[in-house]
Amino acid sequence: MPSIRLLKIADNVYYAKGSPASLIVVEGEKAYVVDPGMPKDRGKLLRKAVLKLGVSEIVALLTHLHGDHLLAVEYLQPNEIFIPPGEAF
């Protein structure tokens, strides 16, 4: 089964290769996933990898509303989603 490898780039900061690449920042019990990416299945793989970090909540942070940045959100199943004010529907 495919998986996503998280590369630790600093304390509590991880990089997930992809198109686009995702940045994961862990703060306490929360993991902030910046631009989960695509395809949708990537969300499942990201979720599994992020939960292995020992967090209980996932927050998706979207830099903008392009499909290549957000299609994986559905399967990431975040507790919260943040979108910049200028990008909101």
N, C-alpha and C. Protein backbone atom coordinates (compact mmCIF):
# COMPACT_ATOMS: atom_id res chain seq x y z
N MET A 1 0.85 -1.19 0.00
CA MET A 1 0.00 0.00 0.00
C MET A 1 0.89 1.24 0.00
N PRO A 2 0.54 2.24 -0.81
CA PRO A 2 1.34 3.47 -0.83
C PRO A 2 1.29 4.19 0.51
N SER A 3 2.29 4.99 0.75
CA SER A 3 2.32 5.78 1.97
C SER A 3 3.01 7.11 1.69
N ILE A 4 2.89 8.01 2.62
CA ILE A 4 3.58 9.30 2.54
C ILE A 4 4.61 9.34 3.65
N ARG A 5 5.82 9.65 3.28
CA ARG A 5 6.90 9.78 4.25
C ARG A 5 7.01 11.24 4.65
N LEU A 6 6.95 11.51 5.95
CA LEU A 6 7.12 12.87 6.45
C LEU A 6 8.59 13.08 6.79
N LEU A 7 9.17 14.09 6.20
CA LEU A 7 10.57 14.43 6.44
C LEU A 7 10.62 15.53 7.49
N LYS A 8 11.26 15.27 8.61
CA LYS A 8 11.36 16.28 9.67
C LYS A 8 12.38 17.32 9.23
N ILE A 9 11.95 18.60 9.16
CA ILE A 9 12.85 19.66 8.73
C ILE A 9 13.22 20.62 9.86
N ALA A 10 12.52 20.54 10.97
CA ALA A 10 12.81 21.33 12.17
C ALA A 10 12.00 20.72 13.30
N ASP A 11 12.21 21.20 14.52
CA ASP A 11 11.39 20.70 15.63
C ASP A 11 9.92 20.93 15.31
N ASN A 12 9.14 19.86 15.32
CA ASN A 12 7.70 19.90 15.10
C ASN A 12 7.28 20.40 13.72
N VAL A 13 8.18 20.36 12.75
CA VAL A 13 7.86 20.78 11.38
C VAL A 13 8.27 19.67 10.42
N TYR A 14 7.32 19.28 9.55
CA TYR A 14 7.54 18.17 8.63
C TYR A 14 7.17 18.58 7.21
N TYR A 15 7.79 17.90 6.26
CA TYR A 15 7.57 18.14 4.84
C TYR A 15 7.05 16.85 4.22
N ALA A 16 6.00 16.96 3.42
CA ALA A 16 5.47 15.81 2.68
C ALA A 16 5.59 16.12 1.19
N LYS A 17 6.42 15.37 0.50
CA LYS A 17 6.64 15.58 -0.92
C LYS A 17 5.34 15.36 -1.68
N GLY A 18 5.13 16.11 -2.73
CA GLY A 18 3.94 15.95 -3.55
C GLY A 18 3.74 17.14 -4.45
N SER A 19 2.58 17.19 -5.05
CA SER A 19 2.25 18.30 -5.93
C SER A 19 0.92 18.89 -5.50
N PRO A 20 0.93 19.97 -4.74
CA PRO A 20 2.12 20.62 -4.20
C PRO A 20 2.63 19.87 -2.97
N ALA A 21 3.80 20.23 -2.55
CA ALA A 21 4.33 19.69 -1.29
C ALA A 21 3.47 20.24 -0.16
N SER A 22 3.37 19.48 0.92
CA SER A 22 2.62 19.93 2.09
C SER A 22 3.57 20.14 3.25
N LEU A 23 3.25 21.11 4.06
CA LEU A 23 4.02 21.39 5.27
C LEU A 23 3.13 21.04 6.44
N ILE A 24 3.66 20.34 7.42
CA ILE A 24 2.91 19.96 8.62
C ILE A 24 3.62 20.54 9.82
N VAL A 25 2.87 21.30 10.62
CA VAL A 25 3.41 21.89 11.84
C VAL A 25 2.63 21.33 13.01
N VAL A 26 3.32 20.76 13.97
CA VAL A 26 2.68 20.16 15.14
C VAL A 26 2.83 21.11 16.32
N GLU A 27 1.69 21.38 16.95
CA GLU A 27 1.67 22.22 18.15
C GLU A 27 0.74 21.56 19.15
N GLY A 28 1.32 20.99 20.19
CA GLY A 28 0.52 20.27 21.18
C GLY A 28 -0.17 19.07 20.54
N GLU A 29 -1.48 19.01 20.70
CA GLU A 29 -2.26 17.89 20.17
C GLU A 29 -2.74 18.12 18.75
N LYS A 30 -2.38 19.26 18.14
CA LYS A 30 -2.86 19.59 16.80
C LYS A 30 -1.74 19.53 15.77
N ALA A 31 -2.11 19.07 14.59
CA ALA A 31 -1.21 19.12 13.44
C ALA A 31 -1.86 20.03 12.40
N TYR A 32 -1.12 21.03 11.97
CA TYR A 32 -1.58 21.97 10.95
C TYR A 32 -0.99 21.52 9.62
N VAL A 33 -1.86 21.17 8.68
CA VAL A 33 -1.42 20.69 7.37
C VAL A 33 -1.66 21.81 6.36
N VAL A 34 -0.57 22.36 5.83
CA VAL A 34 -0.66 23.45 4.86
C VAL A 34 -0.74 22.86 3.46
N ASP A 35 -1.82 23.20 2.74
CA ASP A 35 -2.06 22.74 1.37
C ASP A 35 -1.94 21.22 1.24
N PRO A 36 -2.99 20.49 1.65
CA PRO A 36 -2.97 19.03 1.58
C PRO A 36 -2.71 18.47 0.18
N GLY A 37 -3.06 19.22 -0.86
CA GLY A 37 -2.72 18.80 -2.22
C GLY A 37 -3.78 17.97 -2.91
N MET A 38 -3.32 17.12 -3.82
CA MET A 38 -4.18 16.25 -4.60
C MET A 38 -3.38 15.02 -4.99
N PRO A 39 -4.00 13.94 -5.42
CA PRO A 39 -5.42 13.69 -5.57
C PRO A 39 -6.08 13.43 -4.22
N LYS A 40 -7.36 13.11 -4.28
CA LYS A 40 -8.12 12.90 -3.04
C LYS A 40 -7.48 11.84 -2.15
N ASP A 41 -7.00 10.76 -2.76
CA ASP A 41 -6.39 9.68 -1.97
C ASP A 41 -5.20 10.15 -1.15
N ARG A 42 -4.55 11.23 -1.58
CA ARG A 42 -3.43 11.79 -0.82
C ARG A 42 -3.90 12.17 0.59
N GLY A 43 -5.15 12.60 0.71
CA GLY A 43 -5.69 12.97 2.01
C GLY A 43 -5.67 11.81 2.99
N LYS A 44 -6.03 10.62 2.52
CA LYS A 44 -6.01 9.43 3.38
C LYS A 44 -4.59 9.13 3.84
N LEU A 45 -3.65 9.21 2.91
CA LEU A 45 -2.25 8.91 3.23
C LEU A 45 -1.67 9.95 4.18
N LEU A 46 -2.00 11.22 3.94
CA LEU A 46 -1.54 12.28 4.85
C LEU A 46 -2.11 12.09 6.24
N ARG A 47 -3.40 11.79 6.31
CA ARG A 47 -4.05 11.59 7.61
C ARG A 47 -3.34 10.48 8.40
N LYS A 48 -3.09 9.37 7.75
CA LYS A 48 -2.43 8.24 8.41
C LYS A 48 -1.04 8.64 8.90
N ALA A 49 -0.28 9.32 8.06
CA ALA A 49 1.08 9.74 8.43
C ALA A 49 1.07 10.76 9.56
N VAL A 50 0.15 11.71 9.50
CA VAL A 50 0.08 12.77 10.52
C VAL A 50 -0.36 12.19 11.86
N LEU A 51 -1.32 11.29 11.87
CA LEU A 51 -1.77 10.71 13.14
C LEU A 51 -0.67 9.91 13.82
N LYS A 52 0.27 9.39 13.04
CA LYS A 52 1.41 8.67 13.62
C LYS A 52 2.32 9.60 14.42
N LEU A 53 2.14 10.91 14.25
CA LEU A 53 2.93 11.88 15.02
C LEU A 53 2.37 12.04 16.44
N GLY A 54 1.26 11.37 16.73
CA GLY A 54 0.69 11.39 18.08
C GLY A 54 -0.28 12.52 18.35
N VAL A 55 -0.80 13.15 17.30
CA VAL A 55 -1.76 14.24 17.48
C VAL A 55 -3.18 13.69 17.54
N SER A 56 -4.09 14.48 18.08
CA SER A 56 -5.49 14.06 18.13
C SER A 56 -6.38 14.90 17.22
N GLU A 57 -5.85 16.02 16.70
CA GLU A 57 -6.62 16.88 15.81
C GLU A 57 -5.78 17.27 14.61
N ILE A 58 -6.47 17.40 13.48
CA ILE A 58 -5.82 17.85 12.25
C ILE A 58 -6.54 19.11 11.77
N VAL A 59 -5.76 20.12 11.44
CA VAL A 59 -6.29 21.38 10.92
C VAL A 59 -5.71 21.58 9.52
N ALA A 60 -6.56 21.83 8.53
CA ALA A 60 -6.10 22.10 7.17
C ALA A 60 -6.00 23.60 6.98
N LEU A 61 -4.86 24.06 6.49
CA LEU A 61 -4.64 25.47 6.17
C LEU A 61 -4.44 25.56 4.66
N LEU A 62 -5.36 26.24 3.99
CA LEU A 62 -5.28 26.36 2.54
C LEU A 62 -4.78 27.74 2.16
N THR A 63 -3.73 27.81 1.36
CA THR A 63 -3.18 29.11 0.97
C THR A 63 -4.07 29.78 -0.07
N HIS A 64 -4.72 28.97 -0.91
CA HIS A 64 -5.67 29.49 -1.89
C HIS A 64 -6.50 28.32 -2.42
N LEU A 65 -7.60 28.65 -3.09
CA LEU A 65 -8.57 27.64 -3.47
C LEU A 65 -8.37 27.10 -4.88
N HIS A 66 -7.22 26.54 -5.15
CA HIS A 66 -6.98 25.83 -6.40
C HIS A 66 -7.05 24.34 -6.09
N GLY A 67 -7.60 23.58 -7.02
CA GLY A 67 -7.79 22.15 -6.81
C GLY A 67 -6.53 21.41 -6.42
N ASP A 68 -5.39 21.81 -6.98
CA ASP A 68 -4.15 21.10 -6.65
C ASP A 68 -3.69 21.34 -5.22
N HIS A 69 -4.32 22.26 -4.53
CA HIS A 69 -3.99 22.53 -3.13
C HIS A 69 -5.04 21.97 -2.17
N LEU A 70 -6.25 21.68 -2.66
CA LEU A 70 -7.33 21.34 -1.73
C LEU A 70 -8.09 20.04 -1.98
N LEU A 71 -7.87 19.36 -3.08
CA LEU A 71 -8.67 18.16 -3.36
C LEU A 71 -8.52 17.07 -2.30
N ALA A 72 -7.40 17.01 -1.64
CA ALA A 72 -7.19 15.96 -0.62
C ALA A 72 -7.87 16.26 0.71
N VAL A 73 -8.43 17.47 0.86
CA VAL A 73 -9.02 17.87 2.16
C VAL A 73 -10.13 16.91 2.60
N GLU A 74 -10.99 16.51 1.68
CA GLU A 74 -12.11 15.63 2.04
C GLU A 74 -11.64 14.37 2.76
N TYR A 75 -10.61 13.73 2.23
CA TYR A 75 -10.13 12.48 2.82
C TYR A 75 -9.13 12.69 3.96
N LEU A 76 -8.60 13.90 4.07
CA LEU A 76 -7.77 14.24 5.22
C LEU A 76 -8.63 14.27 6.49
N GLN A 77 -9.90 14.60 6.33
CA GLN A 77 -10.89 14.67 7.41
C GLN A 77 -10.41 15.57 8.55
N PRO A 78 -10.09 16.83 8.23
CA PRO A 78 -9.61 17.73 9.29
C PRO A 78 -10.73 18.13 10.25
N ASN A 79 -10.33 18.46 11.48
CA ASN A 79 -11.28 18.97 12.47
C ASN A 79 -11.69 20.40 12.14
N GLU A 80 -10.76 21.13 11.51
CA GLU A 80 -11.01 22.52 11.12
C GLU A 80 -10.34 22.77 9.78
N ILE A 81 -10.88 23.76 9.05
CA ILE A 81 -10.27 24.20 7.79
C ILE A 81 -10.17 25.72 7.83
N PHE A 82 -8.99 26.23 7.51
CA PHE A 82 -8.80 27.68 7.45
C PHE A 82 -8.47 28.09 6.02
N ILE A 83 -9.15 29.14 5.56
CA ILE A 83 -8.98 29.68 4.22
C ILE A 83 -8.74 31.18 4.36
N PRO A 84 -7.78 31.76 3.63
CA PRO A 84 -7.57 33.21 3.72
C PRO A 84 -8.85 33.97 3.38
N PRO A 85 -9.12 35.09 4.05
CA PRO A 85 -10.36 35.85 3.83
C PRO A 85 -10.63 36.17 2.36
N GLY A 86 -9.64 36.52 1.60
CA GLY A 86 -9.83 36.86 0.19
C GLY A 86 -10.17 35.66 -0.68
N GLU A 87 -10.03 34.46 -0.14
CA GLU A 87 -10.28 33.22 -0.88
C GLU A 87 -11.60 32.56 -0.50
N ALA A 88 -12.25 33.05 0.56
CA ALA A 88 -13.47 32.41 1.05
C ALA A 88 -14.57 32.47 0.00
N PHE A 89 -15.46 31.48 0.03
CA PHE A 89 -16.58 31.41 -0.92
C PHE A 89 -17.56 32.52 -0.64
